[in-house]
Amino acid sequence: MVMKRCHRKIGEYDLKVTFETPSGTADAHGHIDLTNLSNWSSFSSAWAKCVSKGGREFWKVNQVNADVSHVWYVAYDSSLDAITPDDRLIYDQTRYEIVAAFNIDNANLEYEIHTKRAV
């Protein structure tokens, strides 16, 4: 039997992050006000490693957009299988929009989560 191992050491996951998902009640038009903090609920927390990617802001279709600014690595936990770009990551009271989340090589060892800092 071959044991798969994450290429990171446990000590490298040194940042405590929380994952939140929209949970508010939709208005008459089906819209949830995501600027209201009470419209979010925490669904998981984990220890993570962060790699800053810099990033940039640019205008596109009359609005400000941003590239990926941080990549987070989190040890596999089945509670994170449901992460989508609708969710967000919180670290040290800073909110990050999730751009993409990957179960690296579908090996159930580690997630790679691409984010941009929420504006």
N, C-alpha and C. Protein backbone atom coordinates (compact mmCIF):
# COMPACT_ATOMS: atom_id res chain seq x y z
N MET A 1 0.84 -1.18 0.00
CA MET A 1 0.00 0.00 0.00
C MET A 1 0.88 1.24 0.00
N VAL A 2 0.59 2.18 -0.89
CA VAL A 2 1.36 3.41 -1.00
C VAL A 2 0.65 4.50 -0.21
N MET A 3 1.36 5.14 0.68
CA MET A 3 0.80 6.24 1.47
C MET A 3 1.06 7.56 0.75
N LYS A 4 0.03 8.34 0.53
CA LYS A 4 0.19 9.67 -0.05
C LYS A 4 0.42 10.66 1.08
N ARG A 5 1.30 11.60 0.83
CA ARG A 5 1.57 12.61 1.84
C ARG A 5 1.58 13.98 1.20
N CYS A 6 1.13 14.93 1.95
CA CYS A 6 1.20 16.33 1.53
C CYS A 6 2.67 16.73 1.52
N HIS A 7 3.05 17.60 0.60
CA HIS A 7 4.45 18.01 0.54
C HIS A 7 4.80 19.08 1.57
N ARG A 8 3.83 19.56 2.33
CA ARG A 8 4.10 20.56 3.37
C ARG A 8 4.16 19.90 4.74
N LYS A 9 4.94 20.51 5.60
CA LYS A 9 4.99 20.06 6.99
C LYS A 9 3.86 20.75 7.75
N ILE A 10 3.32 20.08 8.73
CA ILE A 10 2.21 20.63 9.51
C ILE A 10 2.53 22.02 10.03
N GLY A 11 3.75 22.26 10.47
CA GLY A 11 4.14 23.57 11.01
C GLY A 11 4.07 24.71 10.02
N GLU A 12 4.02 24.40 8.73
CA GLU A 12 3.93 25.46 7.72
C GLU A 12 2.53 26.07 7.69
N TYR A 13 1.54 25.36 8.16
CA TYR A 13 0.18 25.90 8.23
C TYR A 13 0.10 26.72 9.52
N ASP A 14 0.43 27.99 9.43
CA ASP A 14 0.56 28.79 10.65
C ASP A 14 -0.44 29.94 10.75
N LEU A 15 -1.39 30.01 9.83
CA LEU A 15 -2.38 31.08 9.83
C LEU A 15 -3.77 30.49 10.00
N LYS A 16 -4.51 30.96 10.99
CA LYS A 16 -5.86 30.45 11.23
C LYS A 16 -6.83 31.22 10.34
N VAL A 17 -7.55 30.51 9.47
CA VAL A 17 -8.50 31.13 8.56
C VAL A 17 -9.90 30.57 8.82
N THR A 18 -10.89 31.33 8.43
CA THR A 18 -12.28 30.93 8.55
C THR A 18 -12.93 31.05 7.18
N PHE A 19 -13.81 30.13 6.87
CA PHE A 19 -14.54 30.16 5.61
C PHE A 19 -15.99 30.50 5.90
N GLU A 20 -16.53 31.42 5.12
CA GLU A 20 -17.91 31.85 5.29
C GLU A 20 -18.67 31.68 3.98
N THR A 21 -19.98 31.48 4.13
CA THR A 21 -20.86 31.33 2.98
C THR A 21 -22.04 32.28 3.15
N PRO A 22 -22.62 32.79 2.06
CA PRO A 22 -23.79 33.66 2.18
C PRO A 22 -24.93 32.91 2.85
N SER A 23 -25.62 33.59 3.77
CA SER A 23 -26.69 32.91 4.50
C SER A 23 -27.89 33.81 4.76
N GLY A 24 -27.87 34.99 4.22
CA GLY A 24 -28.96 35.92 4.50
C GLY A 24 -30.22 35.60 3.74
N THR A 25 -31.26 36.30 4.08
CA THR A 25 -32.55 36.15 3.41
C THR A 25 -32.59 37.05 2.19
N ALA A 26 -33.02 36.50 1.09
CA ALA A 26 -33.09 37.26 -0.16
C ALA A 26 -34.23 38.27 -0.10
N ASP A 27 -34.04 39.39 -0.77
CA ASP A 27 -35.10 40.40 -0.85
C ASP A 27 -36.11 39.98 -1.92
N ALA A 28 -37.04 40.87 -2.23
CA ALA A 28 -38.11 40.55 -3.19
C ALA A 28 -37.57 40.23 -4.59
N HIS A 29 -36.36 40.69 -4.89
CA HIS A 29 -35.77 40.47 -6.20
C HIS A 29 -34.80 39.27 -6.19
N GLY A 30 -34.73 38.56 -5.06
CA GLY A 30 -33.86 37.40 -4.96
C GLY A 30 -32.41 37.74 -4.67
N HIS A 31 -32.14 38.97 -4.25
CA HIS A 31 -30.78 39.42 -4.00
C HIS A 31 -30.48 39.42 -2.50
N ILE A 32 -29.28 38.95 -2.14
CA ILE A 32 -28.83 39.00 -0.75
C ILE A 32 -27.76 40.08 -0.65
N ASP A 33 -27.92 41.00 0.29
CA ASP A 33 -26.95 42.07 0.49
C ASP A 33 -25.70 41.52 1.16
N LEU A 34 -24.66 41.25 0.36
CA LEU A 34 -23.44 40.65 0.90
C LEU A 34 -22.53 41.65 1.58
N THR A 35 -22.89 42.93 1.55
CA THR A 35 -22.11 43.92 2.31
C THR A 35 -22.52 43.92 3.77
N ASN A 36 -23.66 43.31 4.09
CA ASN A 36 -24.13 43.20 5.46
C ASN A 36 -23.49 41.97 6.10
N LEU A 37 -22.66 42.18 7.12
CA LEU A 37 -21.93 41.08 7.75
C LEU A 37 -22.84 40.00 8.33
N SER A 38 -24.05 40.36 8.70
CA SER A 38 -24.96 39.37 9.28
C SER A 38 -25.51 38.41 8.22
N ASN A 39 -25.26 38.70 6.95
CA ASN A 39 -25.71 37.82 5.88
C ASN A 39 -24.68 36.75 5.51
N TRP A 40 -23.69 36.56 6.37
CA TRP A 40 -22.66 35.54 6.17
C TRP A 40 -22.63 34.62 7.39
N SER A 41 -22.34 33.34 7.16
CA SER A 41 -22.17 32.44 8.30
C SER A 41 -20.92 31.58 8.06
N SER A 42 -20.23 31.31 9.15
CA SER A 42 -19.02 30.50 9.11
C SER A 42 -19.39 29.03 8.93
N PHE A 43 -18.66 28.33 8.04
CA PHE A 43 -18.93 26.89 7.90
C PHE A 43 -17.71 26.03 8.18
N SER A 44 -16.53 26.64 8.29
CA SER A 44 -15.35 25.86 8.62
C SER A 44 -14.20 26.80 8.97
N SER A 45 -13.22 26.27 9.69
CA SER A 45 -11.99 27.01 9.93
C SER A 45 -10.84 26.02 9.79
N ALA A 46 -9.66 26.55 9.51
CA ALA A 46 -8.52 25.67 9.26
C ALA A 46 -7.23 26.45 9.45
N TRP A 47 -6.14 25.72 9.56
CA TRP A 47 -4.81 26.32 9.56
C TRP A 47 -4.33 26.34 8.12
N ALA A 48 -3.69 27.43 7.72
CA ALA A 48 -3.31 27.61 6.33
C ALA A 48 -1.92 28.21 6.18
N LYS A 49 -1.41 28.09 4.99
CA LYS A 49 -0.18 28.78 4.58
C LYS A 49 -0.59 29.72 3.47
N CYS A 50 -0.02 30.91 3.45
CA CYS A 50 -0.40 31.91 2.45
C CYS A 50 0.82 32.32 1.63
N VAL A 51 0.60 32.47 0.32
CA VAL A 51 1.63 32.99 -0.57
C VAL A 51 1.02 34.20 -1.27
N SER A 52 1.62 35.37 -1.06
CA SER A 52 1.14 36.59 -1.71
C SER A 52 1.57 36.59 -3.18
N LYS A 53 0.65 36.96 -4.03
CA LYS A 53 0.93 36.98 -5.46
C LYS A 53 0.96 38.40 -6.02
N GLY A 54 0.87 39.39 -5.14
CA GLY A 54 0.85 40.77 -5.64
C GLY A 54 -0.55 41.11 -6.09
N GLY A 55 -0.78 41.05 -7.37
CA GLY A 55 -2.11 41.36 -7.90
C GLY A 55 -2.13 42.74 -8.51
N ARG A 56 -3.23 43.05 -9.13
CA ARG A 56 -3.40 44.36 -9.74
C ARG A 56 -4.89 44.64 -9.83
N GLU A 57 -5.20 45.90 -9.94
CA GLU A 57 -6.58 46.30 -10.17
C GLU A 57 -6.65 46.90 -11.57
N PHE A 58 -7.78 46.71 -12.24
CA PHE A 58 -7.94 47.23 -13.59
C PHE A 58 -9.42 47.50 -13.85
N TRP A 59 -9.66 48.37 -14.84
CA TRP A 59 -11.04 48.68 -15.22
C TRP A 59 -11.47 47.73 -16.32
N LYS A 60 -12.66 47.18 -16.16
CA LYS A 60 -13.24 46.31 -17.18
C LYS A 60 -14.75 46.47 -17.08
N VAL A 61 -15.36 46.79 -18.18
CA VAL A 61 -16.80 46.99 -18.27
C VAL A 61 -17.27 47.95 -17.18
N ASN A 62 -16.61 49.08 -17.09
CA ASN A 62 -16.96 50.18 -16.19
C ASN A 62 -16.98 49.80 -14.72
N GLN A 63 -16.15 48.86 -14.31
CA GLN A 63 -16.02 48.54 -12.90
C GLN A 63 -14.60 48.09 -12.61
N VAL A 64 -14.20 48.24 -11.34
CA VAL A 64 -12.86 47.83 -10.94
C VAL A 64 -12.85 46.33 -10.72
N ASN A 65 -11.86 45.65 -11.29
CA ASN A 65 -11.67 44.22 -11.11
C ASN A 65 -10.28 43.99 -10.54
N ALA A 66 -10.04 42.81 -10.01
CA ALA A 66 -8.73 42.49 -9.44
C ALA A 66 -8.33 41.08 -9.79
N ASP A 67 -7.02 40.88 -9.93
CA ASP A 67 -6.46 39.55 -10.16
C ASP A 67 -6.29 38.84 -8.82
N VAL A 68 -5.89 37.58 -8.89
CA VAL A 68 -5.58 36.81 -7.69
C VAL A 68 -4.47 37.51 -6.94
N SER A 69 -4.67 37.74 -5.64
CA SER A 69 -3.66 38.43 -4.84
C SER A 69 -2.99 37.51 -3.83
N HIS A 70 -3.66 36.41 -3.46
CA HIS A 70 -3.11 35.47 -2.47
C HIS A 70 -3.51 34.05 -2.85
N VAL A 71 -2.60 33.12 -2.61
CA VAL A 71 -2.90 31.70 -2.76
C VAL A 71 -2.71 31.08 -1.39
N TRP A 72 -3.73 30.36 -0.93
CA TRP A 72 -3.73 29.73 0.39
C TRP A 72 -3.64 28.23 0.22
N TYR A 73 -2.88 27.59 1.09
CA TYR A 73 -2.78 26.13 1.10
C TYR A 73 -3.31 25.64 2.44
N VAL A 74 -4.25 24.71 2.38
CA VAL A 74 -4.92 24.20 3.58
C VAL A 74 -4.91 22.67 3.49
N ALA A 75 -4.59 22.03 4.60
CA ALA A 75 -4.64 20.56 4.64
C ALA A 75 -6.06 20.10 4.34
N TYR A 76 -6.18 18.96 3.70
CA TYR A 76 -7.48 18.43 3.31
C TYR A 76 -8.38 18.21 4.52
N ASP A 77 -9.63 18.62 4.34
CA ASP A 77 -10.69 18.39 5.31
C ASP A 77 -11.97 18.30 4.49
N SER A 78 -12.72 17.25 4.64
CA SER A 78 -13.91 17.05 3.81
C SER A 78 -14.93 18.18 3.95
N SER A 79 -14.89 18.94 5.05
CA SER A 79 -15.82 20.06 5.19
C SER A 79 -15.53 21.17 4.19
N LEU A 80 -14.35 21.13 3.59
CA LEU A 80 -13.99 22.16 2.60
C LEU A 80 -14.31 21.73 1.17
N ASP A 81 -14.83 20.54 0.98
CA ASP A 81 -15.18 20.08 -0.37
C ASP A 81 -16.21 20.97 -1.03
N ALA A 82 -16.99 21.68 -0.24
CA ALA A 82 -18.08 22.49 -0.77
C ALA A 82 -17.67 23.93 -1.09
N ILE A 83 -16.40 24.29 -0.95
CA ILE A 83 -15.98 25.67 -1.22
C ILE A 83 -16.27 26.04 -2.67
N THR A 84 -16.87 27.23 -2.85
CA THR A 84 -17.14 27.76 -4.19
C THR A 84 -16.74 29.23 -4.21
N PRO A 85 -16.71 29.84 -5.40
CA PRO A 85 -16.42 31.28 -5.48
C PRO A 85 -17.49 32.16 -4.83
N ASP A 86 -18.62 31.59 -4.43
CA ASP A 86 -19.62 32.36 -3.69
C ASP A 86 -19.19 32.58 -2.24
N ASP A 87 -18.27 31.75 -1.76
CA ASP A 87 -17.81 31.82 -0.38
C ASP A 87 -16.66 32.82 -0.24
N ARG A 88 -16.22 33.02 0.98
CA ARG A 88 -15.07 33.89 1.21
C ARG A 88 -14.21 33.34 2.33
N LEU A 89 -12.97 33.81 2.37
CA LEU A 89 -12.00 33.40 3.38
C LEU A 89 -11.71 34.61 4.25
N ILE A 90 -11.65 34.42 5.55
CA ILE A 90 -11.34 35.50 6.50
C ILE A 90 -10.04 35.16 7.20
N TYR A 91 -9.12 36.11 7.17
CA TYR A 91 -7.88 35.96 7.94
C TYR A 91 -7.60 37.29 8.64
N ASP A 92 -7.43 37.25 9.95
CA ASP A 92 -7.08 38.43 10.73
C ASP A 92 -8.02 39.61 10.43
N GLN A 93 -9.31 39.33 10.37
CA GLN A 93 -10.38 40.29 10.12
C GLN A 93 -10.34 40.89 8.72
N THR A 94 -9.56 40.32 7.83
CA THR A 94 -9.52 40.76 6.44
C THR A 94 -10.28 39.74 5.61
N ARG A 95 -11.12 40.23 4.72
CA ARG A 95 -11.95 39.37 3.89
C ARG A 95 -11.32 39.19 2.51
N TYR A 96 -11.33 37.95 2.04
CA TYR A 96 -10.81 37.61 0.73
C TYR A 96 -11.89 36.89 -0.06
N GLU A 97 -12.12 37.34 -1.29
CA GLU A 97 -13.07 36.67 -2.17
C GLU A 97 -12.38 35.44 -2.75
N ILE A 98 -13.06 34.33 -2.76
CA ILE A 98 -12.50 33.11 -3.32
C ILE A 98 -12.73 33.12 -4.83
N VAL A 99 -11.64 33.01 -5.57
CA VAL A 99 -11.69 32.96 -7.03
C VAL A 99 -11.82 31.51 -7.49
N ALA A 100 -11.05 30.62 -6.86
CA ALA A 100 -11.08 29.20 -7.20
C ALA A 100 -10.51 28.40 -6.05
N ALA A 101 -10.94 27.15 -5.93
CA ALA A 101 -10.42 26.25 -4.90
C ALA A 101 -10.23 24.88 -5.53
N PHE A 102 -9.06 24.29 -5.27
CA PHE A 102 -8.72 23.01 -5.88
C PHE A 102 -8.29 22.00 -4.82
N ASN A 103 -8.76 20.79 -4.94
CA ASN A 103 -8.24 19.67 -4.18
C ASN A 103 -7.06 19.20 -5.03
N ILE A 104 -5.84 19.54 -4.65
CA ILE A 104 -4.67 19.33 -5.49
C ILE A 104 -4.56 17.86 -5.91
N ASP A 105 -4.51 17.65 -7.21
CA ASP A 105 -4.41 16.32 -7.82
C ASP A 105 -5.52 15.37 -7.37
N ASN A 106 -6.61 15.90 -6.83
CA ASN A 106 -7.70 15.08 -6.29
C ASN A 106 -7.19 14.01 -5.35
N ALA A 107 -6.14 14.35 -4.61
CA ALA A 107 -5.48 13.38 -3.74
C ALA A 107 -5.99 13.43 -2.31
N ASN A 108 -6.90 14.35 -2.01
CA ASN A 108 -7.45 14.50 -0.65
C ASN A 108 -6.33 14.71 0.38
N LEU A 109 -5.35 15.55 0.01
CA LEU A 109 -4.25 15.87 0.90
C LEU A 109 -4.19 17.36 1.22
N GLU A 110 -4.47 18.18 0.21
CA GLU A 110 -4.30 19.62 0.39
C GLU A 110 -5.16 20.38 -0.62
N TYR A 111 -5.67 21.52 -0.17
CA TYR A 111 -6.40 22.43 -1.05
C TYR A 111 -5.51 23.60 -1.42
N GLU A 112 -5.69 24.09 -2.63
CA GLU A 112 -5.07 25.34 -3.07
C GLU A 112 -6.23 26.29 -3.34
N ILE A 113 -6.25 27.42 -2.64
CA ILE A 113 -7.37 28.35 -2.74
C ILE A 113 -6.86 29.69 -3.23
N HIS A 114 -7.35 30.12 -4.38
CA HIS A 114 -6.96 31.39 -4.97
C HIS A 114 -7.96 32.45 -4.52
N THR A 115 -7.44 33.57 -4.04
CA THR A 115 -8.32 34.64 -3.56
C THR A 115 -7.86 35.99 -4.07
N LYS A 116 -8.76 36.94 -3.95
CA LYS A 116 -8.40 38.34 -4.12
C LYS A 116 -8.98 39.09 -2.94
N ARG A 117 -8.29 40.09 -2.53
CA ARG A 117 -8.73 40.84 -1.36
C ARG A 117 -10.06 41.52 -1.67
N ALA A 118 -11.02 41.33 -0.79
CA ALA A 118 -12.34 41.93 -0.98
C ALA A 118 -12.24 43.44 -0.83
N VAL A 119 -12.97 44.14 -1.65
CA VAL A 119 -12.94 45.61 -1.61
C VAL A 119 -14.15 46.12 -0.89
